[in-house]
């Protein structure tokens, strides 16, 4: 009987070890898939501020953006405190003492994407100075392992741009706005939490919680949601980063007397609209008397090619005039700029 019990114990231990190894292996695959960065900027590397088009998955859409092209920009290189990384950025300075807005792209994208070039162009037309930067692992910035960290490290890239504007250009903190789209929106929210002097931020299609994103993607793919825990462990084991550690909700919770604008499409299939709604509810709950929260949930999709549609971060195209108006009003009010 004792021998039988020992054998059962050995089998149980063996099964647990095998299960644990499989869990970590599957988690590593999920982590590397979820965190992988497409180095081609989704086919947008040919875009420049003075000539850009809208593309999704490398496929150009029919939107004519030529009236928004702008010149007189230059490339700058930013440095980070305590990190030997090169962060590439474009800047376009307005005449006089104009406020600045910093633009941050999404996952696998870069500063060459219309999703930041178009809103930047709108603000250039309103008389703002703008900066568009490539986060690490993206565009022309430093690449280490082609994996993003869901903003856990990238928020430092955002802060490097903000500090360059504030310290090198001498722009007061209350005259600097930050704009992020998708992964960039979540990253901006983390920077907003880290740097209390960031006065105003616009979040386009933000995620509120990376764990919720991964769980949702797993369920869509037919896998059990609990495997998200394996992805978290794999990130810690193989990169030393918990991609689910800090969440953009920290930014909403830290709003205080500052200002947030949250825009999220109702038909967003990539980051469901409840993420934007949760960010909005949280910000409203933590906002103080002199702060402000504006939330906008537009409808609309964009046709890509012959048989694809997307509702993720498309309102700047489907609601172009209203998007332009909302940005003008929000940043004009919060950065005290009238053109």
C-alpha atoms as a PDB file:
ATOM      1  CA  UNK A   1       0.000   0.000   0.000  1.00  0.00           C
ATOM      2  CA  UNK A   2       2.840   2.357   0.876  1.00  0.00           C
ATOM      3  CA  UNK A   3       4.507   1.635  -2.474  1.00  0.00           C
ATOM      4  CA  UNK A   4       1.256   2.411  -4.313  1.00  0.00           C
ATOM      5  CA  UNK A   5       0.922   5.729  -2.501  1.00  0.00           C
ATOM      6  CA  UNK A   6       4.505   6.624  -3.379  1.00  0.00           C
ATOM      7  CA  UNK A   7       3.856   5.861  -7.032  1.00  0.00           C
ATOM      8  CA  UNK A   8       0.722   8.011  -7.000  1.00  0.00           C
ATOM      9  CA  UNK A   9       2.689  10.838  -5.418  1.00  0.00           C
ATOM     10  CA  UNK A  10       5.415  10.526  -8.052  1.00  0.00           C
ATOM     11  CA  UNK A  11       2.819  10.562 -10.821  1.00  0.00           C
ATOM     12  CA  UNK A  12       1.140  13.614  -9.310  1.00  0.00           C
ATOM     13  CA  UNK A  13       4.439  15.454  -8.981  1.00  0.00           C
ATOM     14  CA  UNK A  14       5.360  14.517 -12.536  1.00  0.00           C
ATOM     15  CA  UNK A  15       2.009  15.712 -13.811  1.00  0.00           C
ATOM     16  CA  UNK A  16       2.332  18.991 -11.920  1.00  0.00           C
ATOM     17  CA  UNK A  17       5.823  19.570 -13.290  1.00  0.00           C
ATOM     18  CA  UNK A  18       4.672  18.746 -16.816  1.00  0.00           C
ATOM     19  CA  UNK A  19       1.627  20.997 -16.460  1.00  0.00           C
ATOM     20  CA  UNK A  20       3.749  23.846 -15.068  1.00  0.00           C
ATOM     21  CA  UNK A  21       6.266  23.538 -17.896  1.00  0.00           C
ATOM     22  CA  UNK A  22       3.483  23.494 -20.483  1.00  0.00           C
ATOM     23  CA  UNK A  23       1.815  26.488 -18.816  1.00  0.00           C
ATOM     24  CA  UNK A  24       5.028  28.503 -18.959  1.00  0.00           C
ATOM     25  CA  UNK A  25       5.771  27.392 -22.540  1.00  0.00           C
ATOM     26  CA  UNK A  26       2.284  28.352 -23.725  1.00  0.00           C
ATOM     27  CA  UNK A  27       2.535  31.554 -21.696  1.00  0.00           C
ATOM     28  CA  UNK A  28       5.819  32.399 -23.413  1.00  0.00           C
ATOM     29  CA  UNK A  29       4.176  31.936 -26.804  1.00  0.00           C
ATOM     30  CA  UNK A  30       1.232  34.130 -25.798  1.00  0.00           C
ATOM     31  CA  UNK A  31       3.532  36.769 -24.318  1.00  0.00           C
ATOM     32  CA  UNK A  32       5.775  36.944 -27.382  1.00  0.00           C
ATOM     33  CA  UNK A  33       2.762  37.035 -29.701  1.00  0.00           C
ATOM     34  CA  UNK A  34       0.981  39.746 -27.712  1.00  0.00           C
ATOM     35  CA  UNK A  35       4.138  41.814 -27.225  1.00  0.00           C
ATOM     36  CA  UNK A  36       5.577  41.445 -30.727  1.00  0.00           C
ATOM     37  CA  UNK A  37       6.306  44.696 -32.562  1.00  0.00           C
ATOM     38  CA  UNK A  38       5.827  44.852 -36.325  1.00  0.00           C
ATOM     39  CA  UNK A  39       8.969  46.643 -37.475  1.00  0.00           C
ATOM     40  CA  UNK A  40       7.395  47.815 -40.730  1.00  0.00           C
ATOM     41  CA  UNK A  41       5.068  50.398 -39.148  1.00  0.00           C
ATOM     42  CA  UNK A  42       2.148  48.695 -40.877  1.00  0.00           C
ATOM     43  CA  UNK A  43       3.411  49.824 -44.284  1.00  0.00           C
ATOM     44  CA  UNK A  44       3.664  53.505 -43.361  1.00  0.00           C
ATOM     45  CA  UNK A  45       7.421  54.093 -43.402  1.00  0.00           C
ATOM     46  CA  UNK A  46       7.135  56.128 -46.623  1.00  0.00           C
ATOM     47  CA  UNK A  47       4.859  58.673 -44.915  1.00  0.00           C
ATOM     48  CA  UNK A  48       6.271  62.049 -43.941  1.00  0.00           C
ATOM     49  CA  UNK A  49       4.601  65.169 -42.510  1.00  0.00           C
ATOM     50  CA  UNK A  50       4.687  66.772 -45.961  1.00  0.00           C
ATOM     51  CA  UNK A  51       3.231  63.710 -47.716  1.00  0.00           C
ATOM     52  CA  UNK A  52       1.186  61.078 -45.895  1.00  0.00           C
ATOM     53  CA  UNK A  53      -1.718  58.728 -46.559  1.00  0.00           C
ATOM     54  CA  UNK A  54      -3.975  56.559 -44.398  1.00  0.00           C
ATOM     55  CA  UNK A  55      -3.172  52.848 -44.334  1.00  0.00           C
ATOM     56  CA  UNK A  56      -4.339  49.881 -42.301  1.00  0.00           C
ATOM     57  CA  UNK A  57      -2.327  46.644 -42.397  1.00  0.00           C
ATOM     58  CA  UNK A  58      -0.313  48.180 -45.215  1.00  0.00           C
ATOM     59  CA  UNK A  59      -3.407  48.782 -47.359  1.00  0.00           C
ATOM     60  CA  UNK A  60      -4.071  52.359 -48.393  1.00  0.00           C
ATOM     61  CA  UNK A  61      -7.610  53.660 -47.963  1.00  0.00           C
ATOM     62  CA  UNK A  62      -9.441  56.147 -50.173  1.00  0.00           C
ATOM     63  CA  UNK A  63      -9.193  59.091 -47.773  1.00  0.00           C
ATOM     64  CA  UNK A  64      -7.496  62.105 -49.336  1.00  0.00           C
ATOM     65  CA  UNK A  65      -5.380  63.776 -46.648  1.00  0.00           C
ATOM     66  CA  UNK A  66      -3.314  65.990 -48.931  1.00  0.00           C
ATOM     67  CA  UNK A  67      -4.839  69.210 -47.573  1.00  0.00           C
ATOM     68  CA  UNK A  68      -3.302  68.356 -44.192  1.00  0.00           C
ATOM     69  CA  UNK A  69       0.280  67.876 -45.303  1.00  0.00           C
ATOM     70  CA  UNK A  70       2.715  70.228 -43.585  1.00  0.00           C
ATOM     71  CA  UNK A  71       6.382  71.089 -43.994  1.00  0.00           C
ATOM     72  CA  UNK A  72       9.100  72.930 -42.053  1.00  0.00           C
ATOM     73  CA  UNK A  73       9.711  69.994 -39.727  1.00  0.00           C
ATOM     74  CA  UNK A  74      13.001  68.596 -38.510  1.00  0.00           C
ATOM     75  CA  UNK A  75      14.222  65.353 -36.962  1.00  0.00           C
ATOM     76  CA  UNK A  76      15.632  65.358 -33.445  1.00  0.00           C
ATOM     77  CA  UNK A  77      17.131  62.659 -31.259  1.00  0.00           C
ATOM     78  CA  UNK A  78      16.130  62.351 -27.620  1.00  0.00           C
ATOM     79  CA  UNK A  79      17.987  60.710 -24.762  1.00  0.00           C
ATOM     80  CA  UNK A  80      16.639  58.986 -21.687  1.00  0.00           C
ATOM     81  CA  UNK A  81      17.828  59.197 -18.132  1.00  0.00           C
ATOM     82  CA  UNK A  82      19.630  55.974 -17.104  1.00  0.00           C
ATOM     83  CA  UNK A  83      18.929  54.197 -20.417  1.00  0.00           C
ATOM     84  CA  UNK A  84      21.216  54.022 -23.448  1.00  0.00           C
ATOM     85  CA  UNK A  85      18.417  54.336 -25.978  1.00  0.00           C
ATOM     86  CA  UNK A  86      17.915  56.584 -28.977  1.00  0.00           C
ATOM     87  CA  UNK A  87      14.422  58.019 -29.383  1.00  0.00           C
ATOM     88  CA  UNK A  88      13.698  59.508 -32.794  1.00  0.00           C
ATOM     89  CA  UNK A  89      11.235  62.380 -33.170  1.00  0.00           C
ATOM     90  CA  UNK A  90       9.966  64.988 -35.606  1.00  0.00           C
ATOM     91  CA  UNK A  91       9.290  68.515 -34.436  1.00  0.00           C
ATOM     92  CA  UNK A  92       7.529  71.354 -36.161  1.00  0.00           C
ATOM     93  CA  UNK A  93       7.773  74.676 -34.352  1.00  0.00           C
ATOM     94  CA  UNK A  94       5.208  77.420 -34.733  1.00  0.00           C
ATOM     95  CA  UNK A  95       6.100  81.079 -34.721  1.00  0.00           C
ATOM     96  CA  UNK A  96       6.045  82.918 -31.410  1.00  0.00           C
ATOM     97  CA  UNK A  97       5.451  81.415 -27.989  1.00  0.00           C
ATOM     98  CA  UNK A  98       2.929  78.774 -28.993  1.00  0.00           C
ATOM     99  CA  UNK A  99       1.918  75.809 -26.794  1.00  0.00           C
ATOM    100  CA  UNK A 100       3.238  72.364 -27.722  1.00  0.00           C
ATOM    101  CA  UNK A 101       1.525  69.000 -28.178  1.00  0.00           C
ATOM    102  CA  UNK A 102       3.401  65.676 -28.077  1.00  0.00           C
ATOM    103  CA  UNK A 103       1.960  62.819 -30.203  1.00  0.00           C
ATOM    104  CA  UNK A 104       2.454  59.102 -29.434  1.00  0.00           C
ATOM    105  CA  UNK A 105       1.631  56.306 -31.920  1.00  0.00           C
ATOM    106  CA  UNK A 106       0.177  52.827 -31.360  1.00  0.00           C
ATOM    107  CA  UNK A 107       1.466  49.242 -31.343  1.00  0.00           C
ATOM    108  CA  UNK A 108       3.629  48.281 -34.321  1.00  0.00           C
ATOM    109  CA  UNK A 109       3.120  51.765 -35.686  1.00  0.00           C
ATOM    110  CA  UNK A 110       5.410  54.806 -35.659  1.00  0.00           C
ATOM    111  CA  UNK A 111       5.451  58.561 -36.104  1.00  0.00           C
ATOM    112  CA  UNK A 112       4.936  57.988 -39.858  1.00  0.00           C
ATOM    113  CA  UNK A 113       1.363  56.792 -39.324  1.00  0.00           C
ATOM    114  CA  UNK A 114      -1.621  58.963 -40.250  1.00  0.00           C
ATOM    115  CA  UNK A 115      -3.078  58.231 -36.791  1.00  0.00           C
ATOM    116  CA  UNK A 116      -0.616  60.745 -35.337  1.00  0.00           C
ATOM    117  CA  UNK A 117       0.297  62.753 -38.443  1.00  0.00           C
ATOM    118  CA  UNK A 118      -3.299  63.805 -39.132  1.00  0.00           C
ATOM    119  CA  UNK A 119      -4.137  65.097 -35.620  1.00  0.00           C
ATOM    120  CA  UNK A 120      -0.703  66.742 -35.475  1.00  0.00           C
ATOM    121  CA  UNK A 121      -1.492  68.496 -38.754  1.00  0.00           C
ATOM    122  CA  UNK A 122      -4.783  69.709 -37.308  1.00  0.00           C
ATOM    123  CA  UNK A 123      -2.939  71.301 -34.410  1.00  0.00           C
ATOM    124  CA  UNK A 124      -0.264  72.786 -36.678  1.00  0.00           C
ATOM    125  CA  UNK A 125      -3.071  74.542 -38.513  1.00  0.00           C
ATOM    126  CA  UNK A 126      -4.290  75.922 -35.179  1.00  0.00           C
ATOM    127  CA  UNK A 127      -0.882  77.447 -34.504  1.00  0.00           C
ATOM    128  CA  UNK A 128       0.624  74.857 -32.137  1.00  0.00           C
ATOM    129  CA  UNK A 129       4.142  73.481 -32.131  1.00  0.00           C
ATOM    130  CA  UNK A 130       4.157  69.676 -32.319  1.00  0.00           C
ATOM    131  CA  UNK A 131       6.426  66.725 -31.642  1.00  0.00           C
ATOM    132  CA  UNK A 132       5.849  63.181 -32.940  1.00  0.00           C
ATOM    133  CA  UNK A 133       8.139  60.509 -31.518  1.00  0.00           C
ATOM    134  CA  UNK A 134       8.842  56.820 -32.078  1.00  0.00           C
ATOM    135  CA  UNK A 135       8.644  54.746 -28.922  1.00  0.00           C
ATOM    136  CA  UNK A 136      11.401  52.202 -28.333  1.00  0.00           C
ATOM    137  CA  UNK A 137      11.209  49.144 -30.625  1.00  0.00           C
ATOM    138  CA  UNK A 138       9.298  51.259 -33.167  1.00  0.00           C
ATOM    139  CA  UNK A 139      10.173  53.328 -36.219  1.00  0.00           C
ATOM    140  CA  UNK A 140      13.631  54.886 -36.154  1.00  0.00           C
ATOM    141  CA  UNK A 141      14.128  54.535 -32.387  1.00  0.00           C
ATOM    142  CA  UNK A 142      16.355  51.954 -30.696  1.00  0.00           C
ATOM    143  CA  UNK A 143      15.378  48.303 -30.975  1.00  0.00           C
ATOM    144  CA  UNK A 144      16.362  45.689 -28.427  1.00  0.00           C
ATOM    145  CA  UNK A 145      14.176  42.587 -28.758  1.00  0.00           C
ATOM    146  CA  UNK A 146      11.155  43.669 -30.866  1.00  0.00           C
ATOM    147  CA  UNK A 147       8.850  43.309 -27.863  1.00  0.00           C
ATOM    148  CA  UNK A 148       6.811  46.070 -26.253  1.00  0.00           C
ATOM    149  CA  UNK A 149       6.039  46.219 -22.548  1.00  0.00           C
ATOM    150  CA  UNK A 150       2.484  47.625 -22.681  1.00  0.00           C
ATOM    151  CA  UNK A 151       3.731  51.006 -21.524  1.00  0.00           C
ATOM    152  CA  UNK A 152       5.633  49.701 -18.471  1.00  0.00           C
ATOM    153  CA  UNK A 153       8.896  51.031 -19.931  1.00  0.00           C
ATOM    154  CA  UNK A 154       7.659  53.115 -22.854  1.00  0.00           C
ATOM    155  CA  UNK A 155       6.182  55.782 -20.597  1.00  0.00           C
ATOM    156  CA  UNK A 156       9.801  56.900 -20.145  1.00  0.00           C
ATOM    157  CA  UNK A 157       9.940  57.596 -23.888  1.00  0.00           C
ATOM    158  CA  UNK A 158       6.894  59.833 -23.551  1.00  0.00           C
ATOM    159  CA  UNK A 159       8.499  61.642 -20.636  1.00  0.00           C
ATOM    160  CA  UNK A 160      11.710  62.132 -22.626  1.00  0.00           C
ATOM    161  CA  UNK A 161       9.699  64.030 -25.235  1.00  0.00           C
ATOM    162  CA  UNK A 162       7.801  66.009 -22.623  1.00  0.00           C
ATOM    163  CA  UNK A 163      11.019  66.975 -20.812  1.00  0.00           C
ATOM    164  CA  UNK A 164      12.700  67.987 -24.082  1.00  0.00           C
ATOM    165  CA  UNK A 165       9.856  70.414 -24.758  1.00  0.00           C
ATOM    166  CA  UNK A 166       9.740  71.647 -21.166  1.00  0.00           C
ATOM    167  CA  UNK A 167      13.468  71.876 -20.431  1.00  0.00           C
ATOM    168  CA  UNK A 168      15.193  72.387 -23.776  1.00  0.00           C
ATOM    169  CA  UNK A 169      12.540  74.669 -25.254  1.00  0.00           C
ATOM    170  CA  UNK A 170      11.602  76.286 -21.965  1.00  0.00           C
ATOM    171  CA  UNK A 171       7.861  75.770 -22.426  1.00  0.00           C
ATOM    172  CA  UNK A 172       5.807  75.996 -19.196  1.00  0.00           C
ATOM    173  CA  UNK A 173       4.216  72.699 -18.153  1.00  0.00           C
ATOM    174  CA  UNK A 174       0.725  74.183 -18.413  1.00  0.00           C
ATOM    175  CA  UNK A 175       1.364  74.888 -22.110  1.00  0.00           C
ATOM    176  CA  UNK A 176       2.259  71.302 -23.072  1.00  0.00           C
ATOM    177  CA  UNK A 177      -0.361  68.741 -24.078  1.00  0.00           C
ATOM    178  CA  UNK A 178       0.121  65.033 -24.812  1.00  0.00           C
ATOM    179  CA  UNK A 179      -1.834  62.896 -27.292  1.00  0.00           C
ATOM    180  CA  UNK A 180      -1.763  59.103 -27.560  1.00  0.00           C
ATOM    181  CA  UNK A 181      -3.532  56.535 -29.721  1.00  0.00           C
ATOM    182  CA  UNK A 182      -4.188  52.869 -28.827  1.00  0.00           C
ATOM    183  CA  UNK A 183      -1.044  51.488 -27.118  1.00  0.00           C
ATOM    184  CA  UNK A 184       0.221  55.063 -27.191  1.00  0.00           C
ATOM    185  CA  UNK A 185      -2.896  56.194 -25.314  1.00  0.00           C
ATOM    186  CA  UNK A 186      -2.297  53.652 -22.556  1.00  0.00           C
ATOM    187  CA  UNK A 187       1.351  54.670 -22.425  1.00  0.00           C
ATOM    188  CA  UNK A 188       0.428  58.355 -22.213  1.00  0.00           C
ATOM    189  CA  UNK A 189      -1.920  57.509 -19.330  1.00  0.00           C
ATOM    190  CA  UNK A 190       0.976  55.890 -17.454  1.00  0.00           C
ATOM    191  CA  UNK A 191       3.157  58.940 -18.141  1.00  0.00           C
ATOM    192  CA  UNK A 192       0.262  61.110 -16.920  1.00  0.00           C
ATOM    193  CA  UNK A 193       0.300  59.145 -13.659  1.00  0.00           C
ATOM    194  CA  UNK A 194       4.090  59.361 -13.348  1.00  0.00           C
ATOM    195  CA  UNK A 195       4.507  63.067 -14.126  1.00  0.00           C
ATOM    196  CA  UNK A 196       2.017  65.257 -12.218  1.00  0.00           C
ATOM    197  CA  UNK A 197       3.026  68.308 -14.251  1.00  0.00           C
ATOM    198  CA  UNK A 198       1.488  66.935 -17.464  1.00  0.00           C
ATOM    199  CA  UNK A 199      -1.393  69.363 -17.748  1.00  0.00           C
ATOM    200  CA  UNK A 200      -3.671  67.894 -20.420  1.00  0.00           C
ATOM    201  CA  UNK A 201      -3.853  64.599 -22.317  1.00  0.00           C
ATOM    202  CA  UNK A 202      -5.977  63.282 -25.191  1.00  0.00           C
ATOM    203  CA  UNK A 203      -6.444  59.484 -25.227  1.00  0.00           C
ATOM    204  CA  UNK A 204      -7.674  57.957 -28.491  1.00  0.00           C
ATOM    205  CA  UNK A 205      -8.895  54.346 -28.121  1.00  0.00           C
ATOM    206  CA  UNK A 206      -7.025  53.607 -24.870  1.00  0.00           C
ATOM    207  CA  UNK A 207      -6.812  50.246 -23.149  1.00  0.00           C
ATOM    208  CA  UNK A 208      -7.613  50.356 -19.448  1.00  0.00           C
ATOM    209  CA  UNK A 209      -6.024  47.057 -18.435  1.00  0.00           C
ATOM    210  CA  UNK A 210      -3.627  44.854 -20.465  1.00  0.00           C
ATOM    211  CA  UNK A 211      -4.749  41.696 -18.659  1.00  0.00           C
ATOM    212  CA  UNK A 212      -8.305  42.294 -19.877  1.00  0.00           C
ATOM    213  CA  UNK A 213      -6.968  42.718 -23.434  1.00  0.00           C
ATOM    214  CA  UNK A 214      -5.015  39.451 -23.338  1.00  0.00           C
ATOM    215  CA  UNK A 215      -7.898  37.534 -21.737  1.00  0.00           C
ATOM    216  CA  UNK A 216     -10.265  38.828 -24.405  1.00  0.00           C
ATOM    217  CA  UNK A 217      -7.868  37.914 -27.229  1.00  0.00           C
ATOM    218  CA  UNK A 218      -7.437  34.410 -25.795  1.00  0.00           C
ATOM    219  CA  UNK A 219     -11.184  33.834 -25.621  1.00  0.00           C
ATOM    220  CA  UNK A 220     -11.657  35.101 -29.179  1.00  0.00           C
ATOM    221  CA  UNK A 221      -8.987  32.630 -30.316  1.00  0.00           C
ATOM    222  CA  UNK A 222     -10.741  29.789 -28.468  1.00  0.00           C
ATOM    223  CA  UNK A 223      -8.302  29.452 -25.555  1.00  0.00           C
ATOM    224  CA  UNK A 224      -9.121  29.583 -21.825  1.00  0.00           C
ATOM    225  CA  UNK A 225      -8.645  33.037 -20.320  1.00  0.00           C
ATOM    226  CA  UNK A 226      -6.597  31.706 -17.382  1.00  0.00           C
ATOM    227  CA  UNK A 227      -3.628  31.303 -19.751  1.00  0.00           C
ATOM    228  CA  UNK A 228      -3.126  35.054 -19.371  1.00  0.00           C
ATOM    229  CA  UNK A 229      -1.430  34.191 -16.087  1.00  0.00           C
ATOM    230  CA  UNK A 230       1.117  32.133 -18.009  1.00  0.00           C
ATOM    231  CA  UNK A 231       1.839  35.100 -20.266  1.00  0.00           C
ATOM    232  CA  UNK A 232       2.399  37.280 -17.222  1.00  0.00           C
ATOM    233  CA  UNK A 233       4.802  34.749 -15.692  1.00  0.00           C
ATOM    234  CA  UNK A 234       6.650  34.314 -19.001  1.00  0.00           C
ATOM    235  CA  UNK A 235       7.150  38.059 -19.268  1.00  0.00           C
ATOM    236  CA  UNK A 236       8.666  38.108 -15.798  1.00  0.00           C
ATOM    237  CA  UNK A 237      10.870  35.065 -16.435  1.00  0.00           C
ATOM    238  CA  UNK A 238      12.177  35.942 -19.880  1.00  0.00           C
ATOM    239  CA  UNK A 239      12.255  39.747 -19.876  1.00  0.00           C
ATOM    240  CA  UNK A 240      11.932  40.747 -16.246  1.00  0.00           C
ATOM    241  CA  UNK A 241       8.850  42.834 -17.086  1.00  0.00           C
ATOM    242  CA  UNK A 242       5.298  42.366 -15.854  1.00  0.00           C
ATOM    243  CA  UNK A 243       3.313  43.704 -18.813  1.00  0.00           C
ATOM    244  CA  UNK A 244       0.196  43.620 -16.652  1.00  0.00           C
ATOM    245  CA  UNK A 245       1.848  45.360 -13.698  1.00  0.00           C
ATOM    246  CA  UNK A 246       0.782  48.989 -13.962  1.00  0.00           C
ATOM    247  CA  UNK A 247      -2.438  49.864 -15.770  1.00  0.00           C
ATOM    248  CA  UNK A 248      -3.545  53.044 -17.585  1.00  0.00           C
ATOM    249  CA  UNK A 249      -6.266  53.351 -14.958  1.00  0.00           C
ATOM    250  CA  UNK A 250      -3.533  54.848 -12.768  1.00  0.00           C
ATOM    251  CA  UNK A 251      -3.557  57.821 -15.102  1.00  0.00           C
ATOM    252  CA  UNK A 252      -7.313  58.237 -14.737  1.00  0.00           C
ATOM    253  CA  UNK A 253      -7.017  57.937 -10.951  1.00  0.00           C
ATOM    254  CA  UNK A 254      -4.285  60.587 -10.803  1.00  0.00           C
ATOM    255  CA  UNK A 255      -6.202  63.267 -12.737  1.00  0.00           C
ATOM    256  CA  UNK A 256      -6.705  65.650  -9.803  1.00  0.00           C
ATOM    257  CA  UNK A 257      -7.055  69.182 -11.172  1.00  0.00           C
ATOM    258  CA  UNK A 258      -5.753  68.232 -14.608  1.00  0.00           C
ATOM    259  CA  UNK A 259      -7.531  67.512 -17.881  1.00  0.00           C
ATOM    260  CA  UNK A 260      -8.344  64.384 -19.901  1.00  0.00           C
ATOM    261  CA  UNK A 261     -10.173  63.859 -23.183  1.00  0.00           C
ATOM    262  CA  UNK A 262     -11.069  60.239 -23.928  1.00  0.00           C
ATOM    263  CA  UNK A 263     -12.299  59.272 -27.405  1.00  0.00           C
ATOM    264  CA  UNK A 264     -13.240  55.672 -28.176  1.00  0.00           C
ATOM    265  CA  UNK A 265     -15.157  54.234 -31.119  1.00  0.00           C
ATOM    266  CA  UNK A 266     -18.266  52.208 -30.341  1.00  0.00           C
ATOM    267  CA  UNK A 267     -17.362  49.697 -33.068  1.00  0.00           C
ATOM    268  CA  UNK A 268     -13.743  49.199 -32.031  1.00  0.00           C
ATOM    269  CA  UNK A 269     -12.991  45.506 -32.503  1.00  0.00           C
ATOM    270  CA  UNK A 270      -9.376  45.725 -31.329  1.00  0.00           C
ATOM    271  CA  UNK A 271      -9.834  47.487 -27.979  1.00  0.00           C
ATOM    272  CA  UNK A 272     -13.544  47.287 -27.052  1.00  0.00           C
ATOM    273  CA  UNK A 273     -15.219  50.540 -26.086  1.00  0.00           C
ATOM    274  CA  UNK A 274     -15.697  49.450 -22.462  1.00  0.00           C
ATOM    275  CA  UNK A 275     -11.997  50.223 -21.938  1.00  0.00           C
ATOM    276  CA  UNK A 276     -12.601  53.864 -22.823  1.00  0.00           C
ATOM    277  CA  UNK A 277     -15.773  53.926 -20.736  1.00  0.00           C
ATOM    278  CA  UNK A 278     -13.906  52.525 -17.730  1.00  0.00           C
ATOM    279  CA  UNK A 279     -11.160  55.137 -18.131  1.00  0.00           C
ATOM    280  CA  UNK A 280     -13.827  57.846 -18.307  1.00  0.00           C
ATOM    281  CA  UNK A 281     -15.748  56.614 -15.257  1.00  0.00           C
ATOM    282  CA  UNK A 282     -12.547  56.324 -13.236  1.00  0.00           C
ATOM    283  CA  UNK A 283     -11.304  59.786 -14.200  1.00  0.00           C
ATOM    284  CA  UNK A 284     -14.658  61.341 -13.300  1.00  0.00           C
ATOM    285  CA  UNK A 285     -14.584  59.593  -9.925  1.00  0.00           C
ATOM    286  CA  UNK A 286     -11.125  60.973  -9.068  1.00  0.00           C
ATOM    287  CA  UNK A 287     -11.358  64.419 -10.681  1.00  0.00           C
ATOM    288  CA  UNK A 288     -11.026  67.431  -8.398  1.00  0.00           C
ATOM    289  CA  UNK A 289     -12.817  70.775  -8.668  1.00  0.00           C
ATOM    290  CA  UNK A 290     -10.526  72.419 -11.220  1.00  0.00           C
ATOM    291  CA  UNK A 291     -10.018  69.319 -13.363  1.00  0.00           C
ATOM    292  CA  UNK A 292     -12.050  68.232 -16.382  1.00  0.00           C
ATOM    293  CA  UNK A 293     -12.943  65.008 -18.174  1.00  0.00           C
ATOM    294  CA  UNK A 294     -14.510  64.867 -21.617  1.00  0.00           C
ATOM    295  CA  UNK A 295     -15.603  61.575 -23.156  1.00  0.00           C
ATOM    296  CA  UNK A 296     -16.732  60.930 -26.723  1.00  0.00           C
ATOM    297  CA  UNK A 297     -17.846  57.618 -28.215  1.00  0.00           C
ATOM    298  CA  UNK A 298     -18.304  58.077 -31.977  1.00  0.00           C
ATOM    299  CA  UNK A 299     -19.618  55.377 -34.296  1.00  0.00           C
ATOM    300  CA  UNK A 300     -18.093  54.388 -37.600  1.00  0.00           C
ATOM    301  CA  UNK A 301     -15.849  51.993 -39.449  1.00  0.00           C
ATOM    302  CA  UNK A 302     -13.358  52.259 -42.292  1.00  0.00           C
ATOM    303  CA  UNK A 303     -13.323  49.897 -45.270  1.00  0.00           C
ATOM    304  CA  UNK A 304      -9.872  48.475 -45.960  1.00  0.00           C
ATOM    305  CA  UNK A 305      -9.327  46.814 -49.301  1.00  0.00           C
ATOM    306  CA  UNK A 306     -12.216  44.783 -50.672  1.00  0.00           C
ATOM    307  CA  UNK A 307     -13.285  42.678 -47.719  1.00  0.00           C
ATOM    308  CA  UNK A 308     -12.043  44.198 -44.467  1.00  0.00           C
ATOM    309  CA  UNK A 309     -13.375  46.815 -42.085  1.00  0.00           C
ATOM    310  CA  UNK A 310     -12.042  48.252 -38.857  1.00  0.00           C
ATOM    311  CA  UNK A 311     -13.464  50.478 -36.154  1.00  0.00           C
ATOM    312  CA  UNK A 312     -10.226  50.870 -34.198  1.00  0.00           C
ATOM    313  CA  UNK A 313      -8.931  54.453 -33.977  1.00  0.00           C
ATOM    314  CA  UNK A 314     -10.768  55.568 -37.114  1.00  0.00           C
ATOM    315  CA  UNK A 315     -12.914  58.487 -35.903  1.00  0.00           C
ATOM    316  CA  UNK A 316     -10.309  61.030 -37.036  1.00  0.00           C
ATOM    317  CA  UNK A 317     -11.157  59.816 -40.556  1.00  0.00           C
ATOM    318  CA  UNK A 318     -14.884  59.105 -40.255  1.00  0.00           C
ATOM    319  CA  UNK A 319     -15.581  62.209 -38.136  1.00  0.00           C
ATOM    320  CA  UNK A 320     -12.751  64.387 -39.428  1.00  0.00           C
ATOM    321  CA  UNK A 321     -14.377  67.806 -39.028  1.00  0.00           C
ATOM    322  CA  UNK A 322     -15.746  67.024 -35.563  1.00  0.00           C
ATOM    323  CA  UNK A 323     -12.411  65.509 -34.493  1.00  0.00           C
ATOM    324  CA  UNK A 324     -10.639  68.668 -35.593  1.00  0.00           C
ATOM    325  CA  UNK A 325     -13.185  70.796 -33.740  1.00  0.00           C
ATOM    326  CA  UNK A 326     -12.988  68.759 -30.518  1.00  0.00           C
ATOM    327  CA  UNK A 327      -9.185  68.916 -30.485  1.00  0.00           C
ATOM    328  CA  UNK A 328      -9.241  72.650 -31.132  1.00  0.00           C
ATOM    329  CA  UNK A 329     -11.684  73.218 -28.264  1.00  0.00           C
ATOM    330  CA  UNK A 330     -10.027  70.880 -25.760  1.00  0.00           C
ATOM    331  CA  UNK A 331      -6.436  71.992 -26.204  1.00  0.00           C
ATOM    332  CA  UNK A 332      -7.456  75.611 -26.731  1.00  0.00           C
ATOM    333  CA  UNK A 333      -9.198  75.600 -23.351  1.00  0.00           C
ATOM    334  CA  UNK A 334      -6.725  73.519 -21.352  1.00  0.00           C
ATOM    335  CA  UNK A 335      -3.542  75.056 -22.802  1.00  0.00           C
ATOM    336  CA  UNK A 336      -5.053  78.543 -22.945  1.00  0.00           C
ATOM    337  CA  UNK A 337      -4.493  78.952 -26.684  1.00  0.00           C
ATOM    338  CA  UNK A 338      -6.826  80.715 -29.087  1.00  0.00           C
ATOM    339  CA  UNK A 339      -6.062  80.968 -32.785  1.00  0.00           C
END
